[in-house]
Amino acid sequence: GLALLMPALLIFILLGPWLDSKDVQTLECEVVAAEPV
């Protein structure tokens, strides 16, 4: 089970940027602080 789950999980992580481009929603948020890092 772990041998099958680990590759699937890591492939899912690699697809993170692509998945983050799907179903984009706008959230209205009140800013309390902003700092460069």
All heavy atoms as atom14 arrays in JSON, in Angstrom:
{
  "sequence": "GLALLMPALLIFILLGPWLDSKDVQTLECEVVAAEPV",
  "atom14_mask": [
    [1, 1, 1, 1, 0, 0, 0, 0, 0, 0, 0, 0, 0, 0],
    [1, 1, 1, 1, 1, 1, 1, 1, 0, 0, 0, 0, 0, 0],
    [1, 1, 1, 1, 1, 0, 0, 0, 0, 0, 0, 0, 0, 0],
    [1, 1, 1, 1, 1, 1, 1, 1, 0, 0, 0, 0, 0, 0],
    [1, 1, 1, 1, 1, 1, 1, 1, 0, 0, 0, 0, 0, 0],
    [1, 1, 1, 1, 1, 1, 1, 1, 0, 0, 0, 0, 0, 0],
    [1, 1, 1, 1, 1, 1, 1, 0, 0, 0, 0, 0, 0, 0],
    [1, 1, 1, 1, 1, 0, 0, 0, 0, 0, 0, 0, 0, 0],
    [1, 1, 1, 1, 1, 1, 1, 1, 0, 0, 0, 0, 0, 0],
    [1, 1, 1, 1, 1, 1, 1, 1, 0, 0, 0, 0, 0, 0],
    [1, 1, 1, 1, 1, 1, 1, 1, 0, 0, 0, 0, 0, 0],
    [1, 1, 1, 1, 1, 1, 1, 1, 1, 1, 1, 0, 0, 0],
    [1, 1, 1, 1, 1, 1, 1, 1, 0, 0, 0, 0, 0, 0],
    [1, 1, 1, 1, 1, 1, 1, 1, 0, 0, 0, 0, 0, 0],
    [1, 1, 1, 1, 1, 1, 1, 1, 0, 0, 0, 0, 0, 0],
    [1, 1, 1, 1, 0, 0, 0, 0, 0, 0, 0, 0, 0, 0],
    [1, 1, 1, 1, 1, 1, 1, 0, 0, 0, 0, 0, 0, 0],
    [1, 1, 1, 1, 1, 1, 1, 1, 1, 1, 1, 1, 1, 1],
    [1, 1, 1, 1, 1, 1, 1, 1, 0, 0, 0, 0, 0, 0],
    [1, 1, 1, 1, 1, 1, 1, 1, 0, 0, 0, 0, 0, 0],
    [1, 1, 1, 1, 1, 1, 0, 0, 0, 0, 0, 0, 0, 0],
    [1, 1, 1, 1, 1, 1, 1, 1, 1, 0, 0, 0, 0, 0],
    [1, 1, 1, 1, 1, 1, 1, 1, 0, 0, 0, 0, 0, 0],
    [1, 1, 1, 1, 1, 1, 1, 0, 0, 0, 0, 0, 0, 0],
    [1, 1, 1, 1, 1, 1, 1, 1, 1, 0, 0, 0, 0, 0],
    [1, 1, 1, 1, 1, 1, 1, 0, 0, 0, 0, 0, 0, 0],
    [1, 1, 1, 1, 1, 1, 1, 1, 0, 0, 0, 0, 0, 0],
    [1, 1, 1, 1, 1, 1, 1, 1, 1, 0, 0, 0, 0, 0],
    [1, 1, 1, 1, 1, 1, 0, 0, 0, 0, 0, 0, 0, 0],
    [1, 1, 1, 1, 1, 1, 1, 1, 1, 0, 0, 0, 0, 0],
    [1, 1, 1, 1, 1, 1, 1, 0, 0, 0, 0, 0, 0, 0],
    [1, 1, 1, 1, 1, 1, 1, 0, 0, 0, 0, 0, 0, 0],
    [1, 1, 1, 1, 1, 0, 0, 0, 0, 0, 0, 0, 0, 0],
    [1, 1, 1, 1, 1, 0, 0, 0, 0, 0, 0, 0, 0, 0],
    [1, 1, 1, 1, 1, 1, 1, 1, 1, 0, 0, 0, 0, 0],
    [1, 1, 1, 1, 1, 1, 1, 0, 0, 0, 0, 0, 0, 0],
    [1, 1, 1, 1, 1, 1, 1, 0, 0, 0, 0, 0, 0, 0]
  ],
  "atom14_positions": [
    [[0.82, -1.21, 0.0], [0.0, 0.0, 0.0], [0.85, 1.26, 0.0], [0.57, 2.22, -0.73], [0.0, 0.0, 0.0], [0.0, 0.0, 0.0], [0.0, 0.0, 0.0], [0.0, 0.0, 0.0], [0.0, 0.0, 0.0], [0.0, 0.0, 0.0], [0.0, 0.0, 0.0], [0.0, 0.0, 0.0], [0.0, 0.0, 0.0], [0.0, 0.0, 0.0]],
    [[1.92, 1.26, 0.81], [2.81, 2.43, 0.84], [3.55, 2.6, -0.48], [3.76, 3.73, -0.94], [3.82, 2.28, 1.98], [3.25, 2.37, 3.4], [4.35, 2.13, 4.43], [2.59, 3.72, 3.63], [0.0, 0.0, 0.0], [0.0, 0.0, 0.0], [0.0, 0.0, 0.0], [0.0, 0.0, 0.0], [0.0, 0.0, 0.0], [0.0, 0.0, 0.0]],
    [[3.96, 1.48, -1.09], [4.65, 1.56, -2.37], [3.76, 2.16, -3.45], [4.25, 2.81, -4.38], [5.13, 0.17, -2.79], [0.0, 0.0, 0.0], [0.0, 0.0, 0.0], [0.0, 0.0, 0.0], [0.0, 0.0, 0.0], [0.0, 0.0, 0.0], [0.0, 0.0, 0.0], [0.0, 0.0, 0.0], [0.0, 0.0, 0.0], [0.0, 0.0, 0.0]],
    [[2.47, 1.94, -3.37], [1.54, 2.51, -4.34], [1.13, 3.94, -3.97], [0.9, 4.77, -4.84], [0.28, 1.63, -4.45], [0.49, 0.21, -4.99], [-0.82, -0.55, -4.96], [1.07, 0.24, -6.39], [0.0, 0.0, 0.0], [0.0, 0.0, 0.0], [0.0, 0.0, 0.0], [0.0, 0.0, 0.0], [0.0, 0.0, 0.0], [0.0, 0.0, 0.0]],
    [[1.05, 4.21, -2.66], [0.58, 5.52, -2.21], [1.64, 6.59, -2.38], [1.33, 7.72, -2.77], [0.15, 5.43, -0.75], [-0.35, 6.73, -0.11], [-1.6, 7.22, -0.84], [-0.66, 6.51, 1.37], [0.0, 0.0, 0.0], [0.0, 0.0, 0.0], [0.0, 0.0, 0.0], [0.0, 0.0, 0.0], [0.0, 0.0, 0.0], [0.0, 0.0, 0.0]],
    [[2.91, 6.27, -2.08], [3.96, 7.29, -2.11], [4.14, 7.89, -3.51], [4.18, 9.13, -3.65], [5.28, 6.71, -1.59], [6.4, 7.74, -1.51], [7.92, 7.04, -0.84], [7.39, 6.66, 0.84], [0.0, 0.0, 0.0], [0.0, 0.0, 0.0], [0.0, 0.0, 0.0], [0.0, 0.0, 0.0], [0.0, 0.0, 0.0], [0.0, 0.0, 0.0]],
    [[4.26, 7.08, -4.58], [4.38, 7.71, -5.9], [3.17, 8.56, -6.26], [3.32, 9.64, -6.83], [4.54, 6.51, -6.85], [5.02, 5.4, -5.99], [4.39, 5.62, -4.65], [0.0, 0.0, 0.0], [0.0, 0.0, 0.0], [0.0, 0.0, 0.0], [0.0, 0.0, 0.0], [0.0, 0.0, 0.0], [0.0, 0.0, 0.0], [0.0, 0.0, 0.0]],
    [[1.97, 8.08, -5.92], [0.77, 8.85, -6.23], [0.77, 10.18, -5.49], [0.41, 11.22, -6.05], [-0.47, 8.04, -5.87], [0.0, 0.0, 0.0], [0.0, 0.0, 0.0], [0.0, 0.0, 0.0], [0.0, 0.0, 0.0], [0.0, 0.0, 0.0], [0.0, 0.0, 0.0], [0.0, 0.0, 0.0], [0.0, 0.0, 0.0], [0.0, 0.0, 0.0]],
    [[1.2, 10.16, -4.22], [1.23, 11.39, -3.43], [2.25, 12.38, -3.99], [1.97, 13.58, -4.1], [1.55, 11.05, -1.98], [1.68, 12.23, -1.01], [0.37, 13.0, -0.94], [2.09, 11.76, 0.37], [0.0, 0.0, 0.0], [0.0, 0.0, 0.0], [0.0, 0.0, 0.0], [0.0, 0.0, 0.0], [0.0, 0.0, 0.0], [0.0, 0.0, 0.0]],
    [[3.43, 11.9, -4.35], [4.46, 12.8, -4.84], [4.13, 13.32, -6.24], [4.44, 14.47, -6.56], [5.81, 12.07, -4.84], [6.33, 11.73, -3.44], [7.61, 10.93, -3.52], [6.56, 13.0, -2.62], [0.0, 0.0, 0.0], [0.0, 0.0, 0.0], [0.0, 0.0, 0.0], [0.0, 0.0, 0.0], [0.0, 0.0, 0.0], [0.0, 0.0, 0.0]],
    [[3.5, 12.5, -7.07], [3.04, 13.0, -8.36], [1.97, 14.07, -8.17], [1.94, 15.08, -8.89], [2.5, 11.83, -9.21], [3.66, 10.91, -9.62], [1.78, 12.34, -10.44], [3.2, 9.66, -10.34], [0.0, 0.0, 0.0], [0.0, 0.0, 0.0], [0.0, 0.0, 0.0], [0.0, 0.0, 0.0], [0.0, 0.0, 0.0], [0.0, 0.0, 0.0]],
    [[1.12, 13.88, -7.17], [0.11, 14.89, -6.86], [0.76, 16.2, -6.44], [0.29, 17.29, -6.79], [-0.8, 14.36, -5.75], [-1.96, 15.25, -5.43], [-3.04, 15.34, -6.3], [-1.97, 16.01, -4.28], [-4.11, 16.16, -6.01], [-3.04, 16.84, -3.98], [-4.11, 16.92, -4.86], [0.0, 0.0, 0.0], [0.0, 0.0, 0.0], [0.0, 0.0, 0.0]],
    [[1.88, 16.12, -5.67], [2.6, 17.33, -5.27], [3.21, 18.01, -6.48], [3.17, 19.25, -6.61], [3.68, 16.98, -4.24], [3.03, 16.49, -2.93], [4.58, 18.17, -3.95], [4.02, 16.01, -1.89], [0.0, 0.0, 0.0], [0.0, 0.0, 0.0], [0.0, 0.0, 0.0], [0.0, 0.0, 0.0], [0.0, 0.0, 0.0], [0.0, 0.0, 0.0]],
    [[3.77, 17.22, -7.41], [4.36, 17.81, -8.61], [3.31, 18.51, -9.47], [3.61, 19.48, -10.17], [5.05, 16.72, -9.43], [6.39, 16.2, -8.89], [6.93, 15.11, -9.78], [7.4, 17.33, -8.76], [0.0, 0.0, 0.0], [0.0, 0.0, 0.0], [0.0, 0.0, 0.0], [0.0, 0.0, 0.0], [0.0, 0.0, 0.0], [0.0, 0.0, 0.0]],
    [[2.08, 18.02, -9.42], [1.0, 18.64, -10.2], [0.39, 19.84, -9.49], [-0.58, 20.41, -9.99], [-0.1, 17.6, -10.48], [0.28, 16.45, -11.42], [-0.88, 15.47, -11.54], [0.68, 16.98, -12.79], [0.0, 0.0, 0.0], [0.0, 0.0, 0.0], [0.0, 0.0, 0.0], [0.0, 0.0, 0.0], [0.0, 0.0, 0.0], [0.0, 0.0, 0.0]],
    [[0.96, 20.22, -8.33], [0.42, 21.33, -7.55], [0.25, 22.62, -8.33], [-0.83, 23.22, -8.31], [0.0, 0.0, 0.0], [0.0, 0.0, 0.0], [0.0, 0.0, 0.0], [0.0, 0.0, 0.0], [0.0, 0.0, 0.0], [0.0, 0.0, 0.0], [0.0, 0.0, 0.0], [0.0, 0.0, 0.0], [0.0, 0.0, 0.0], [0.0, 0.0, 0.0]],
    [[1.29, 23.09, -9.05], [1.11, 24.34, -9.8], [0.01, 24.27, -10.84], [-0.72, 25.24, -11.05], [2.49, 24.53, -10.45], [3.44, 23.81, -9.56], [2.68, 22.62, -9.06], [0.0, 0.0, 0.0], [0.0, 0.0, 0.0], [0.0, 0.0, 0.0], [0.0, 0.0, 0.0], [0.0, 0.0, 0.0], [0.0, 0.0, 0.0], [0.0, 0.0, 0.0]],
    [[-0.12, 23.12, -11.51], [-1.19, 22.98, -12.51], [-2.56, 22.94, -11.84], [-3.52, 23.55, -12.31], [-0.96, 21.71, -13.34], [-2.02, 21.48, -14.37], [-2.16, 22.12, -15.57], [-3.11, 20.56, -14.28], [-3.28, 21.64, -16.24], [-3.87, 20.68, -15.47], [-3.51, 19.63, -13.32], [-4.99, 19.92, -15.71], [-4.64, 18.87, -13.56], [-5.36, 19.01, -14.74]],
    [[-2.67, 22.19, -10.73], [-3.95, 22.12, -10.02], [-4.32, 23.47, -9.42], [-5.51, 23.77, -9.26], [-3.87, 21.07, -8.91], [-3.72, 19.61, -9.37], [-3.5, 18.7, -8.18], [-4.94, 19.17, -10.16], [0.0, 0.0, 0.0], [0.0, 0.0, 0.0], [0.0, 0.0, 0.0], [0.0, 0.0, 0.0], [0.0, 0.0, 0.0], [0.0, 0.0, 0.0]],
    [[-3.32, 24.29, -9.11], [-3.6, 25.6, -8.52], [-4.15, 26.58, -9.54], [-4.65, 27.64, -9.18], [-2.33, 26.17, -7.89], [-2.63, 27.05, -6.69], [-3.48, 26.66, -5.87], [-2.03, 28.13, -6.57], [0.0, 0.0, 0.0], [0.0, 0.0, 0.0], [0.0, 0.0, 0.0], [0.0, 0.0, 0.0], [0.0, 0.0, 0.0], [0.0, 0.0, 0.0]],
    [[-4.03, 26.23, -10.83], [-4.6, 27.1, -11.87], [-6.06, 26.77, -12.16], [-6.69, 27.44, -12.99], [-3.78, 26.97, -13.16], [-3.87, 25.66, -13.69], [0.0, 0.0, 0.0], [0.0, 0.0, 0.0], [0.0, 0.0, 0.0], [0.0, 0.0, 0.0], [0.0, 0.0, 0.0], [0.0, 0.0, 0.0], [0.0, 0.0, 0.0], [0.0, 0.0, 0.0]],
    [[-6.6, 25.75, -11.48], [-7.98, 25.33, -11.71], [-8.9, 25.9, -10.63], [-8.5, 26.05, -9.48], [-8.07, 23.79, -11.72], [-7.14, 23.13, -12.72], [-7.42, 23.58, -14.14], [-6.48, 22.94, -15.14], [-6.69, 23.42, -16.52], [0.0, 0.0, 0.0], [0.0, 0.0, 0.0], [0.0, 0.0, 0.0], [0.0, 0.0, 0.0], [0.0, 0.0, 0.0]],
    [[-10.11, 26.23, -11.03], [-11.15, 26.71, -10.11], [-10.64, 27.87, -9.27], [-10.72, 27.87, -8.03], [-11.62, 25.56, -9.2], [-12.87, 25.93, -8.42], [-13.61, 26.84, -8.86], [-13.09, 25.33, -7.34], [0.0, 0.0, 0.0], [0.0, 0.0, 0.0], [0.0, 0.0, 0.0], [0.0, 0.0, 0.0], [0.0, 0.0, 0.0], [0.0, 0.0, 0.0]],
    [[-10.11, 28.89, -9.93], [-9.59, 30.07, -9.23], [-10.77, 30.91, -8.73], [-11.68, 31.24, -9.5], [-8.69, 30.9, -10.16], [-8.19, 32.14, -9.45], [-7.52, 30.05, -10.65], [0.0, 0.0, 0.0], [0.0, 0.0, 0.0], [0.0, 0.0, 0.0], [0.0, 0.0, 0.0], [0.0, 0.0, 0.0], [0.0, 0.0, 0.0], [0.0, 0.0, 0.0]],
    [[-10.75, 31.24, -7.46], [-11.79, 32.05, -6.84], [-11.17, 33.29, -6.2], [-10.01, 33.26, -5.76], [-12.55, 31.24, -5.79], [-13.31, 30.05, -6.36], [-14.09, 29.31, -5.3], [-14.18, 29.76, -4.15], [-14.68, 28.17, -5.66], [0.0, 0.0, 0.0], [0.0, 0.0, 0.0], [0.0, 0.0, 0.0], [0.0, 0.0, 0.0], [0.0, 0.0, 0.0]],
    [[-11.94, 34.35, -6.15], [-11.48, 35.6, -5.56], [-11.99, 35.71, -4.12], [-13.2, 35.64, -3.88], [-11.98, 36.81, -6.37], [-11.48, 36.71, -7.71], [-11.48, 38.11, -5.75], [0.0, 0.0, 0.0], [0.0, 0.0, 0.0], [0.0, 0.0, 0.0], [0.0, 0.0, 0.0], [0.0, 0.0, 0.0], [0.0, 0.0, 0.0], [0.0, 0.0, 0.0]],
    [[-11.05, 35.83, -3.18], [-11.39, 35.99, -1.77], [-11.16, 37.43, -1.36], [-10.12, 38.02, -1.68], [-10.53, 35.05, -0.9], [-10.56, 33.56, -1.24], [-9.69, 32.77, -0.26], [-11.99, 33.03, -1.21], [0.0, 0.0, 0.0], [0.0, 0.0, 0.0], [0.0, 0.0, 0.0], [0.0, 0.0, 0.0], [0.0, 0.0, 0.0], [0.0, 0.0, 0.0]],
    [[-12.14, 38.01, -0.68], [-12.01, 39.37, -0.17], [-11.44, 39.32, 1.24], [-12.07, 38.78, 2.15], [-13.36, 40.08, -0.19], [-13.94, 40.24, -1.59], [-15.24, 41.02, -1.59], [-15.69, 41.42, -0.48], [-15.81, 41.22, -2.69], [0.0, 0.0, 0.0], [0.0, 0.0, 0.0], [0.0, 0.0, 0.0], [0.0, 0.0, 0.0], [0.0, 0.0, 0.0]],
    [[-10.23, 39.85, 1.4], [-9.5, 39.72, 2.67], [-9.01, 41.08, 3.13], [-8.56, 41.91, 2.32], [-8.31, 38.77, 2.51], [-8.71, 37.2, 1.7], [0.0, 0.0, 0.0], [0.0, 0.0, 0.0], [0.0, 0.0, 0.0], [0.0, 0.0, 0.0], [0.0, 0.0, 0.0], [0.0, 0.0, 0.0], [0.0, 0.0, 0.0], [0.0, 0.0, 0.0]],
    [[-9.06, 41.29, 4.44], [-8.55, 42.53, 5.04], [-7.09, 42.32, 5.43], [-6.76, 41.44, 6.21], [-9.38, 42.89, 6.27], [-8.91, 44.19, 6.93], [-9.68, 44.49, 8.2], [-10.6, 43.71, 8.53], [-9.34, 45.49, 8.88], [0.0, 0.0, 0.0], [0.0, 0.0, 0.0], [0.0, 0.0, 0.0], [0.0, 0.0, 0.0], [0.0, 0.0, 0.0]],
    [[-6.22, 43.16, 4.88], [-4.78, 43.04, 5.1], [-4.42, 43.68, 6.45], [-4.8, 44.82, 6.73], [-4.0, 43.71, 3.96], [-2.5, 43.69, 4.25], [-4.3, 43.03, 2.64], [0.0, 0.0, 0.0], [0.0, 0.0, 0.0], [0.0, 0.0, 0.0], [0.0, 0.0, 0.0], [0.0, 0.0, 0.0], [0.0, 0.0, 0.0], [0.0, 0.0, 0.0]],
    [[-3.68, 42.93, 7.25], [-3.21, 43.46, 8.54], [-1.7, 43.63, 8.56], [-1.16, 44.36, 9.39], [-3.65, 42.55, 9.7], [-5.17, 42.5, 9.79], [-3.1, 41.13, 9.54], [0.0, 0.0, 0.0], [0.0, 0.0, 0.0], [0.0, 0.0, 0.0], [0.0, 0.0, 0.0], [0.0, 0.0, 0.0], [0.0, 0.0, 0.0], [0.0, 0.0, 0.0]],
    [[-0.97, 42.95, 7.67], [0.49, 43.08, 7.61], [0.98, 42.49, 6.31], [0.35, 41.6, 5.72], [1.16, 42.39, 8.79], [0.0, 0.0, 0.0], [0.0, 0.0, 0.0], [0.0, 0.0, 0.0], [0.0, 0.0, 0.0], [0.0, 0.0, 0.0], [0.0, 0.0, 0.0], [0.0, 0.0, 0.0], [0.0, 0.0, 0.0], [0.0, 0.0, 0.0]],
    [[2.13, 43.0, 5.83], [2.77, 42.48, 4.61], [4.27, 42.65, 4.77], [4.74, 43.74, 5.12], [2.26, 43.21, 3.37], [0.0, 0.0, 0.0], [0.0, 0.0, 0.0], [0.0, 0.0, 0.0], [0.0, 0.0, 0.0], [0.0, 0.0, 0.0], [0.0, 0.0, 0.0], [0.0, 0.0, 0.0], [0.0, 0.0, 0.0], [0.0, 0.0, 0.0]],
    [[5.0, 41.58, 4.52], [6.45, 41.63, 4.69], [7.15, 40.84, 3.59], [6.66, 39.79, 3.16], [6.86, 41.06, 6.05], [6.39, 39.64, 6.3], [6.83, 39.12, 7.65], [7.58, 39.82, 8.33], [6.42, 38.0, 8.01], [0.0, 0.0, 0.0], [0.0, 0.0, 0.0], [0.0, 0.0, 0.0], [0.0, 0.0, 0.0], [0.0, 0.0, 0.0]],
    [[8.29, 41.36, 3.1], [9.05, 40.62, 2.09], [9.82, 39.47, 2.74], [10.33, 39.6, 3.86], [10.0, 41.68, 1.51], [10.19, 42.65, 2.63], [8.89, 42.68, 3.4], [0.0, 0.0, 0.0], [0.0, 0.0, 0.0], [0.0, 0.0, 0.0], [0.0, 0.0, 0.0], [0.0, 0.0, 0.0], [0.0, 0.0, 0.0], [0.0, 0.0, 0.0]],
    [[9.9, 38.34, 2.05], [10.61, 37.18, 2.58], [11.42, 36.55, 1.45], [11.18, 36.78, 0.27], [9.63, 36.13, 3.17], [8.92, 36.68, 4.38], [8.64, 35.67, 2.12], [0.0, 0.0, 0.0], [0.0, 0.0, 0.0], [0.0, 0.0, 0.0], [0.0, 0.0, 0.0], [0.0, 0.0, 0.0], [0.0, 0.0, 0.0], [0.0, 0.0, 0.0]]
  ]
}
